[in-house]
Amino acid sequence: MKMDVIKCYQFQCFILIWFGYCSTYFIRKPLGVVKTVLGDNLKLGMSDLAWLDTSLMLPYAALQVLAPGLPDKFGARKVMFICLTLASCTTFLSSLSPNYTCLSITLALTGLFLAPVWPACSKMLTSWFPDSKLNSVFGLINTATYTGGLGGTALAATIVQFYTGDQKGIGWRKAFAYPSIIALVAGCLLFTLKSPQERQIEISGKKEKKDTGHKSHLPNLLRTPGVKELCMTMFCLKFVRFMIYFWLPLYLKKVLGYTNLQSGFLSTMFDIGGIIGSPLLGFGLDIFFPGKPLKGVTYCMLVGTLSVGCFIISASGGLYVNCISLLIMGATNCGPDSLLGGSISMEVGNRKADGNGASVTSLVNGVGSLGGVLEGSAVWMVWYLSGWTGVLNLVLGLTALGTFACARTYSAIKKSDRAEKLNQTLSNC
C-alpha cells in the first residue's frame, strides 16, 4: 500500500485519539473547580469534598489494576467506544444528582468507565506508528490530556462564575452537563477507528510481537523488570498531579485570595505547562536519549522537584510569579507522566515480545491512579494536622520520591538487559 495512504490513516488515528482522550478530561476536571461552590450548595465539609475525589478515582484505579488486559482481550476500538460513551452518560447524571450520595455514585461510575480508555488508546496508537517514533507520538498525543484539562477547567470556571449567587446550584450542574456532550460525540467518533490489522495494513518499523494474553495476569506483569519501580514513579506523579487538579483552585482562592474565576484560570497554567512539556520531552528523548528514555525522564523529574520547591517559596509573590512556577511544574510533571504511562510502559510490556504492552500500561496507570484515590483523604488529613503548609510539603516530598523511583526503574531495566546479554553469551559458548 502507498505510504501516503498509510500516513492518511495514521493522521486519522492521531486526530481521533487526541480528541477522544481530550474529552475524558473535560468530564474529569469540573470536580476540582466546582468545589469552590459545591460545599456551600450541598452543605459539605472539607472531608466530604475529599471523599468525592475518592469516589471518582477509586473505581478508576481498581479496574486498571485488577483487569489490566481489557483492551488486549476485547480490542481497543470496542473498549474506547463503549467506555467513553458510558462515562459521558454517568457524567450527565452527575449534573442531576440531588444530594451527596447520588453524586458520589455517579462519579464512581464515571471513574469505572474511564479506566480502560487510556490503555485502549495507547494500544491503538502504538499499532499505527513505528517503534522509533513512539516517544514523539505519545509526547504529542498527550497534549490532549492537558488541553482537555485546560479546556475543562476553563469551561467549568466560566460556568461557575457566570452562575455565582444562584441558590439552586445550576452552575455546578451545568459544569458537568456540557462536557458530557463532548465526550459522547468523541466516543461515537472513536468507533470509526480501525487498527492496521483490521485494514490489512503492515506498518514498517514494528517489532514482531506474540499474543500471550495468559501472561497478562497481575503476578506475571509485576515480575517484568522495571514494572514495580515504574508503578511507584507513576504513583508519585499522579498523586501530585491530582492534588493540583482537585485542590489548587481552592488553595488559590482560600490562601492567596483569588476569585473563583481567577483561581480557575490560574490553575490552567499547570495544564499549559503540560501541553508544552509533553511534546518537547517526547522529541527530546528520541533525539538525545534514543533507547534510553528513562534516563532523560529522570533528569526532567529532578527539575520538577526543584520547581515545586520554588513554588512553595514564591507562592505569595503575585500573579506572574505563580504563573511561571505553575508552568514549570506542569511541564516537568505532565511530560514524564504522559510518556511513562504511554510509550515507555508499552515498551516495557513488549520488550520481550510478550505483547502485553497495553496490560502493563493499564497496570502502571492504575497503580498511579491509586495516588488519585489516596490524595483526597491524605490532603484532608495533612491539612487538618498542619494546614496548607503541610500540603505543599507533601507535594515536594512525593515529587522527590518519584524522581528517585524513576532512577530505580532505569537501573532495574539496565540490570535486566545486562543479565540477558550474559545469558545469551553463556548459551553461545
Protein backbone atom coordinates (compact mmCIF):
# COMPACT_ATOMS: atom_id res chain seq x y z
CA MET A 1 0.00 0.00 0.00
CA LYS A 2 1.22 3.51 -0.81
CA MET A 3 2.88 5.45 2.01
CA ASP A 4 0.58 8.44 1.56
CA VAL A 5 -2.45 6.21 2.26
CA ILE A 6 -0.79 4.86 5.42
CA LYS A 7 0.08 8.39 6.55
CA CYS A 8 -3.53 9.40 6.00
CA TYR A 9 -4.70 6.57 8.26
CA GLN A 10 -2.04 7.49 10.83
CA PHE A 11 -3.21 11.10 10.83
CA GLN A 12 -6.82 9.96 11.25
CA CYS A 13 -5.80 7.73 14.16
CA PHE A 14 -3.87 10.54 15.83
CA ILE A 15 -6.66 13.12 15.49
CA LEU A 16 -9.45 10.82 16.70
CA ILE A 17 -7.50 9.53 19.69
CA TRP A 18 -6.37 13.06 20.54
CA PHE A 19 -9.96 14.33 20.57
CA GLY A 20 -11.26 11.23 22.34
CA TYR A 21 -8.78 11.36 25.19
CA CYS A 22 -9.07 15.13 25.42
CA SER A 23 -12.80 14.69 26.09
CA THR A 24 -12.10 12.44 29.11
CA TYR A 25 -10.51 15.38 30.90
CA PHE A 26 -13.43 17.62 30.07
CA ILE A 27 -15.53 15.29 32.24
CA ARG A 28 -12.88 14.83 34.99
CA LYS A 29 -11.81 18.40 35.62
CA PRO A 30 -15.11 20.05 36.66
CA LEU A 31 -14.94 18.36 40.08
CA GLY A 32 -11.88 20.36 41.09
CA VAL A 33 -13.43 23.66 40.02
CA VAL A 34 -16.96 23.18 41.40
CA LYS A 35 -15.57 22.54 44.89
CA THR A 36 -15.46 26.30 45.34
CA VAL A 37 -19.30 26.36 45.33
CA LEU A 38 -20.31 22.72 45.81
CA GLY A 39 -19.61 22.78 49.54
CA ASP A 40 -21.96 25.71 50.12
CA ASN A 41 -24.70 24.40 47.84
CA LEU A 42 -24.85 20.84 49.22
CA LYS A 43 -23.66 21.81 52.72
CA LEU A 44 -20.45 19.73 52.50
CA GLY A 45 -17.37 19.97 54.69
CA MET A 46 -13.72 19.58 53.71
CA SER A 47 -13.76 15.83 54.38
CA ASP A 48 -16.88 15.35 52.21
CA LEU A 49 -15.22 17.18 49.33
CA ALA A 50 -12.15 14.98 49.76
CA TRP A 51 -14.22 11.80 49.55
CA LEU A 52 -15.67 12.94 46.23
CA ASP A 53 -12.16 12.64 44.79
CA THR A 54 -12.01 9.09 46.13
CA SER A 55 -15.42 8.28 44.63
CA LEU A 56 -14.13 9.22 41.19
CA MET A 57 -10.63 7.74 41.39
CA LEU A 58 -11.03 4.51 43.38
CA PRO A 59 -13.05 2.58 40.74
CA TYR A 60 -10.79 4.06 38.05
CA ALA A 61 -7.64 2.73 39.70
CA ALA A 62 -9.16 -0.57 40.85
CA LEU A 63 -10.31 -1.63 37.39
CA GLN A 64 -6.98 -0.71 35.78
CA VAL A 65 -5.05 -2.74 38.37
CA LEU A 66 -7.40 -5.74 38.68
CA ALA A 67 -8.39 -6.03 35.00
CA PRO A 68 -5.45 -4.60 33.02
CA GLY A 69 -6.00 -6.76 29.91
CA LEU A 70 -9.39 -5.50 28.71
CA PRO A 71 -8.07 -3.78 25.55
CA ASP A 72 -5.92 -6.84 24.74
CA LYS A 73 -8.89 -9.17 25.24
CA PHE A 74 -11.77 -7.29 23.61
CA GLY A 75 -9.97 -4.94 21.22
CA ALA A 76 -9.07 -1.30 21.56
CA ARG A 77 -11.83 0.10 19.33
CA LYS A 78 -14.73 -1.56 21.19
CA VAL A 79 -13.31 -0.62 24.58
CA MET A 80 -12.81 3.03 23.61
CA PHE A 81 -16.32 3.39 22.21
CA ILE A 82 -18.27 1.58 24.93
CA CYS A 83 -16.40 3.01 27.91
CA LEU A 84 -16.32 6.62 26.75
CA THR A 85 -19.99 6.75 25.80
CA LEU A 86 -21.00 5.20 29.15
CA ALA A 87 -18.76 7.67 31.01
CA SER A 88 -20.45 10.56 29.21
CA CYS A 89 -23.86 9.28 30.35
CA THR A 90 -22.84 8.96 34.01
CA THR A 91 -21.28 12.44 33.92
CA PHE A 92 -24.59 13.83 32.72
CA LEU A 93 -26.29 12.01 35.58
CA SER A 94 -23.89 13.79 37.97
CA SER A 95 -25.44 17.06 36.88
CA LEU A 96 -28.85 15.75 38.00
CA SER A 97 -27.69 14.46 41.41
CA PRO A 98 -30.00 15.74 44.17
CA ASN A 99 -27.62 15.01 47.04
CA TYR A 100 -24.12 13.98 48.10
CA THR A 101 -24.79 10.23 47.94
CA CYS A 102 -26.10 10.27 44.38
CA LEU A 103 -23.22 12.48 43.26
CA SER A 104 -20.72 10.06 44.79
CA ILE A 105 -22.32 7.12 42.96
CA THR A 106 -22.36 8.81 39.55
CA LEU A 107 -18.76 9.94 39.99
CA ALA A 108 -17.77 6.36 40.88
CA LEU A 109 -19.43 5.03 37.73
CA THR A 110 -17.68 7.68 35.64
CA GLY A 111 -14.30 6.63 37.05
CA LEU A 112 -15.09 2.96 36.40
CA PHE A 113 -15.98 3.53 32.75
CA LEU A 114 -13.00 5.84 32.13
CA ALA A 115 -10.47 3.29 33.44
CA PRO A 116 -9.87 1.26 30.23
CA VAL A 117 -9.92 4.24 27.86
CA TRP A 118 -6.26 5.28 28.03
CA PRO A 119 -4.81 1.71 27.75
CA ALA A 120 -7.07 1.16 24.75
CA CYS A 121 -5.95 4.46 23.20
CA SER A 122 -2.30 3.51 23.80
CA LYS A 123 -2.77 0.11 22.18
CA MET A 124 -4.42 1.59 19.10
CA LEU A 125 -1.86 4.38 18.78
CA THR A 126 1.09 2.01 19.18
CA SER A 127 -0.22 -0.26 16.44
CA TRP A 128 -0.23 2.57 13.87
CA PHE A 129 3.25 4.09 14.34
CA PRO A 130 6.82 2.69 14.11
CA ASP A 131 8.57 1.93 17.38
CA SER A 132 11.30 4.52 16.82
CA LYS A 133 8.73 7.36 16.74
CA LEU A 134 6.56 6.36 19.70
CA ASN A 135 8.09 8.75 22.27
CA SER A 136 7.48 11.68 19.93
CA VAL A 137 3.97 10.48 19.06
CA PHE A 138 3.00 9.94 22.69
CA GLY A 139 4.50 13.27 23.62
CA LEU A 140 2.25 14.91 21.07
CA ILE A 141 -0.86 12.85 21.82
CA ASN A 142 -0.63 13.69 25.48
CA THR A 143 -1.16 17.35 24.74
CA ALA A 144 -4.76 16.08 24.64
CA THR A 145 -4.54 15.37 28.37
CA TYR A 146 -3.54 18.89 29.28
CA THR A 147 -5.56 20.62 26.59
CA GLY A 148 -8.59 18.75 27.91
CA GLY A 149 -7.61 19.68 31.45
CA LEU A 150 -7.19 23.31 30.49
CA GLY A 151 -10.40 23.40 28.48
CA GLY A 152 -12.36 21.51 31.12
CA THR A 153 -11.12 23.80 33.88
CA ALA A 154 -11.75 26.96 31.87
CA LEU A 155 -15.25 25.85 30.85
CA ALA A 156 -16.20 24.84 34.40
CA ALA A 157 -14.72 28.02 35.90
CA THR A 158 -16.61 30.19 33.41
CA ILE A 159 -19.91 28.40 34.11
CA VAL A 160 -19.44 28.55 37.88
CA GLN A 161 -18.54 32.24 37.77
CA PHE A 162 -21.48 33.05 35.48
CA TYR A 163 -23.91 31.38 37.87
CA THR A 164 -22.34 32.71 41.09
CA GLY A 165 -25.05 33.55 43.59
CA ASP A 166 -27.56 31.11 42.13
CA GLN A 167 -29.24 29.37 45.06
CA LYS A 168 -30.37 26.33 43.06
CA GLY A 169 -26.85 25.29 42.20
CA ILE A 170 -27.40 25.38 38.43
CA GLY A 171 -23.77 26.42 37.84
CA TRP A 172 -22.05 23.30 39.14
CA ARG A 173 -24.67 21.12 37.49
CA LYS A 174 -24.11 22.66 34.07
CA ALA A 175 -20.35 22.30 34.62
CA PHE A 176 -20.94 18.53 34.46
CA ALA A 177 -23.67 18.53 31.80
CA TYR A 178 -21.94 20.38 28.95
CA PRO A 179 -18.71 18.31 28.92
CA SER A 180 -20.72 15.06 28.86
CA ILE A 181 -22.00 16.00 25.40
CA ILE A 182 -18.42 16.46 24.15
CA ALA A 183 -17.44 13.03 25.47
CA LEU A 184 -20.46 11.37 23.85
CA VAL A 185 -19.54 12.77 20.43
CA ALA A 186 -15.90 11.68 20.89
CA GLY A 187 -16.92 8.14 21.83
CA CYS A 188 -19.03 7.78 18.70
CA LEU A 189 -16.17 9.04 16.52
CA LEU A 190 -13.70 6.57 18.04
CA PHE A 191 -15.93 3.70 16.93
CA THR A 192 -14.97 4.52 13.33
CA LEU A 193 -11.26 3.99 14.07
CA LYS A 194 -9.80 0.67 12.89
CA SER A 195 -6.43 -0.98 13.60
CA PRO A 196 -3.86 -1.79 10.89
CA GLN A 197 -4.84 -5.47 11.21
CA GLU A 198 -8.48 -4.63 10.55
CA ARG A 199 -7.45 -2.63 7.49
CA GLN A 200 -4.93 -5.35 6.46
CA ILE A 201 -2.03 -2.89 6.57
CA GLU A 202 1.52 -3.64 7.68
CA ILE A 203 3.34 -0.80 9.46
CA SER A 204 7.10 -0.77 8.86
CA GLY A 205 9.46 -0.38 11.80
CA LYS A 206 7.41 -2.53 14.18
CA LYS A 207 8.93 -5.37 16.21
CA GLU A 208 7.04 -8.59 15.78
CA LYS A 209 5.15 -9.50 18.94
CA LYS A 210 3.39 -12.64 20.02
CA ASP A 211 -0.04 -12.56 21.59
CA THR A 212 0.39 -14.20 25.00
CA GLY A 213 -2.71 -12.99 26.78
CA HIS A 214 -2.34 -15.59 29.52
CA LYS A 215 0.72 -13.69 30.71
CA SER A 216 -1.27 -10.53 31.38
CA HIS A 217 -2.19 -11.70 34.87
CA LEU A 218 -1.12 -9.35 37.63
CA PRO A 219 1.65 -11.50 39.22
CA ASN A 220 3.32 -12.07 35.84
CA LEU A 221 3.17 -8.39 34.97
CA LEU A 222 4.77 -7.43 38.31
CA ARG A 223 7.66 -9.83 37.62
CA THR A 224 8.53 -7.92 34.45
CA PRO A 225 11.79 -6.00 35.09
CA GLY A 226 11.15 -2.36 35.92
CA VAL A 227 7.37 -2.61 36.29
CA LYS A 228 7.25 -2.29 40.10
CA GLU A 229 9.57 0.72 40.06
CA LEU A 230 7.63 2.26 37.19
CA CYS A 231 4.41 1.82 39.16
CA MET A 232 5.91 3.67 42.14
CA THR A 233 7.06 6.51 39.88
CA MET A 234 3.60 6.89 38.40
CA PHE A 235 2.00 6.71 41.83
CA CYS A 236 4.00 9.74 42.96
CA LEU A 237 3.46 11.67 39.73
CA LYS A 238 -0.29 11.14 39.66
CA PHE A 239 -0.67 11.78 43.39
CA VAL A 240 0.90 15.19 42.89
CA ARG A 241 -0.94 15.83 39.65
CA PHE A 242 -4.40 15.07 41.05
CA MET A 243 -3.65 17.07 44.19
CA ILE A 244 -3.00 20.04 41.94
CA TYR A 245 -6.04 19.31 39.76
CA PHE A 246 -8.51 18.94 42.61
CA TRP A 247 -7.13 21.32 45.26
CA LEU A 248 -5.11 24.07 43.58
CA PRO A 249 -8.18 26.24 42.75
CA LEU A 250 -9.29 26.04 46.39
CA TYR A 251 -5.77 26.88 47.64
CA LEU A 252 -5.53 29.86 45.29
CA LYS A 253 -8.90 31.17 46.49
CA LYS A 254 -8.65 30.49 50.24
CA VAL A 255 -4.96 31.21 50.84
CA LEU A 256 -3.83 33.57 48.09
CA GLY A 257 -7.12 35.47 47.80
CA TYR A 258 -8.01 34.99 44.13
CA THR A 259 -11.63 34.99 42.90
CA ASN A 260 -13.39 31.87 41.62
CA LEU A 261 -12.65 32.85 38.01
CA GLN A 262 -9.04 33.86 38.72
CA SER A 263 -8.24 30.70 40.67
CA GLY A 264 -9.78 28.53 37.95
CA PHE A 265 -7.87 30.18 35.13
CA LEU A 266 -4.59 30.45 37.07
CA SER A 267 -4.70 26.72 37.75
CA THR A 268 -4.75 26.14 33.98
CA MET A 269 -1.10 27.26 33.91
CA PHE A 270 -0.26 23.77 35.13
CA ASP A 271 -2.11 22.31 32.11
CA ILE A 272 -0.43 24.74 29.71
CA GLY A 273 2.91 23.60 31.10
CA GLY A 274 1.88 20.04 30.32
CA ILE A 275 0.87 20.99 26.77
CA ILE A 276 4.32 22.49 26.22
CA GLY A 277 6.39 19.98 28.18
CA SER A 278 4.87 16.74 26.91
CA PRO A 279 5.78 17.07 23.19
CA LEU A 280 9.12 18.75 23.95
CA LEU A 281 10.12 15.88 26.24
CA GLY A 282 8.95 13.30 23.70
CA PHE A 283 11.00 14.82 20.88
CA GLY A 284 13.95 15.37 23.23
CA LEU A 285 14.02 11.73 24.28
CA ASP A 286 14.01 10.49 20.67
CA ILE A 287 16.82 12.91 19.75
CA PHE A 288 19.08 12.99 22.82
CA PHE A 289 18.24 9.73 24.62
CA PRO A 290 17.48 7.15 21.88
CA GLY A 291 16.98 3.78 23.51
CA LYS A 292 17.36 5.35 27.00
CA PRO A 293 14.18 7.38 27.54
CA LEU A 294 14.07 6.69 31.29
CA LYS A 295 17.40 8.46 31.77
CA GLY A 296 16.04 11.65 30.21
CA VAL A 297 12.79 11.39 32.16
CA THR A 298 14.75 11.15 35.43
CA TYR A 299 16.56 14.41 34.66
CA CYS A 300 13.24 16.08 33.84
CA MET A 301 11.70 14.93 37.12
CA LEU A 302 14.70 16.28 39.04
CA VAL A 303 13.96 19.71 37.56
CA GLY A 304 10.33 19.19 38.59
CA THR A 305 11.34 18.62 42.21
CA LEU A 306 13.24 21.91 42.20
CA SER A 307 10.28 23.72 40.60
CA VAL A 308 7.92 22.59 43.38
CA GLY A 309 10.34 23.98 45.93
CA CYS A 310 10.40 27.28 44.06
CA PHE A 311 6.59 27.44 44.04
CA ILE A 312 6.44 26.91 47.81
CA ILE A 313 8.94 29.70 48.39
CA SER A 314 7.38 32.17 45.94
CA ALA A 315 3.64 31.40 46.34
CA SER A 316 2.95 34.87 47.78
CA GLY A 317 4.95 36.61 45.08
CA GLY A 318 1.98 37.58 42.92
CA LEU A 319 0.19 36.53 39.76
CA TYR A 320 3.14 36.47 37.34
CA VAL A 321 5.42 34.57 39.69
CA ASN A 322 2.71 31.98 40.27
CA CYS A 323 2.12 31.62 36.54
CA ILE A 324 5.80 30.88 35.83
CA SER A 325 6.10 28.42 38.71
CA LEU A 326 2.96 26.53 37.68
CA LEU A 327 4.09 26.39 34.04
CA ILE A 328 7.37 24.72 35.02
CA MET A 329 5.63 22.39 37.46
CA GLY A 330 3.16 21.35 34.76
CA ALA A 331 5.87 20.71 32.17
CA THR A 332 8.02 18.61 34.50
CA ASN A 333 5.16 16.62 35.99
CA CYS A 334 2.90 16.10 32.98
CA GLY A 335 5.68 15.43 30.48
CA PRO A 336 7.08 12.41 32.35
CA ASP A 337 3.57 11.28 33.30
CA SER A 338 2.46 11.14 29.68
CA LEU A 339 5.46 9.12 28.49
CA LEU A 340 5.86 6.78 31.46
CA GLY A 341 2.16 5.96 31.23
CA GLY A 342 2.26 5.62 27.44
CA SER A 343 5.19 4.79 25.15
CA ILE A 344 7.61 3.75 27.90
CA SER A 345 5.19 1.42 29.71
CA MET A 346 4.13 -0.03 26.34
CA GLU A 347 7.79 -0.70 25.51
CA VAL A 348 8.44 -2.28 28.91
CA GLY A 349 5.47 -4.62 28.41
CA ASN A 350 6.50 -5.56 24.88
CA ARG A 351 10.28 -5.67 25.32
CA LYS A 352 10.41 -9.48 25.48
CA ALA A 353 7.89 -9.93 22.67
CA ASP A 354 5.11 -10.85 25.09
CA GLY A 355 2.62 -8.46 23.50
CA ASN A 356 1.41 -7.29 26.91
CA GLY A 357 2.11 -3.60 26.37
CA ALA A 358 -1.49 -2.48 26.92
CA SER A 359 -1.71 -4.63 30.06
CA VAL A 360 1.44 -3.09 31.56
CA THR A 361 0.21 0.37 30.57
CA SER A 362 -3.09 -0.30 32.32
CA LEU A 363 -1.34 -1.62 35.44
CA VAL A 364 1.12 1.27 35.63
CA ASN A 365 -1.61 3.86 35.15
CA GLY A 366 -3.87 2.03 37.58
CA VAL A 367 -1.28 1.99 40.36
CA GLY A 368 -0.54 5.62 39.52
CA SER A 369 -4.22 6.40 39.82
CA LEU A 370 -4.20 4.98 43.33
CA GLY A 371 -2.42 8.24 44.06
CA GLY A 372 -5.56 9.97 42.87
CA VAL A 373 -7.59 7.73 45.17
CA LEU A 374 -5.48 8.46 48.24
CA GLU A 375 -4.79 12.13 47.61
CA GLY A 376 -8.26 13.24 48.70
CA SER A 377 -8.15 11.74 52.18
CA ALA A 378 -4.40 12.38 52.51
CA VAL A 379 -4.78 16.07 51.69
CA TRP A 380 -7.61 16.40 54.17
CA MET A 381 -5.62 14.72 56.97
CA VAL A 382 -2.45 16.70 56.28
CA TRP A 383 -4.47 19.92 56.02
CA TYR A 384 -6.22 19.12 59.31
CA LEU A 385 -2.90 18.49 61.09
CA SER A 386 -0.68 21.20 59.62
CA GLY A 387 -2.70 23.35 57.21
CA TRP A 388 -1.77 24.25 53.66
CA THR A 389 1.94 24.39 54.56
CA GLY A 390 1.87 20.66 55.24
CA VAL A 391 0.03 20.03 51.97
CA LEU A 392 2.69 21.89 49.98
CA ASN A 393 5.46 19.97 51.74
CA LEU A 394 3.68 16.73 50.87
CA VAL A 395 3.77 17.73 47.20
CA LEU A 396 7.50 18.38 47.43
CA GLY A 397 8.26 15.10 49.20
CA LEU A 398 6.30 12.96 46.75
CA THR A 399 7.88 14.69 43.75
CA ALA A 400 11.34 13.88 45.12
CA LEU A 401 10.33 10.27 45.84
CA GLY A 402 9.03 9.90 42.28
CA THR A 403 12.33 11.12 40.89
CA PHE A 404 14.20 8.51 42.93
CA ALA A 405 11.80 5.76 41.79
CA CYS A 406 12.29 6.73 38.13
CA ALA A 407 16.05 6.42 38.55
CA ARG A 408 15.49 2.98 40.10
CA THR A 409 13.34 1.97 37.10
CA TYR A 410 16.18 2.85 34.73
CA SER A 411 18.64 0.87 36.86
CA ALA A 412 16.37 -2.19 37.04
CA ILE A 413 15.94 -2.37 33.27
CA LYS A 414 19.68 -1.88 32.67
CA LYS A 415 20.41 -4.70 35.13
CA SER A 416 17.91 -6.96 33.35
CA ASP A 417 19.46 -6.19 29.97
CA ARG A 418 22.96 -7.00 31.25
CA ALA A 419 21.74 -10.29 32.72
CA GLU A 420 20.02 -11.21 29.46
CA LYS A 421 23.14 -10.47 27.43
CA LEU A 422 25.23 -12.55 29.82
CA ASN A 423 22.84 -15.49 29.49
CA GLN A 424 22.97 -15.24 25.71
CA THR A 425 26.77 -15.17 25.79
CA LEU A 426 26.92 -18.22 28.06
CA SER A 427 24.42 -20.11 25.91
CA ASN A 428 26.53 -19.43 22.80
CA CYS A 429 29.71 -20.74 24.43
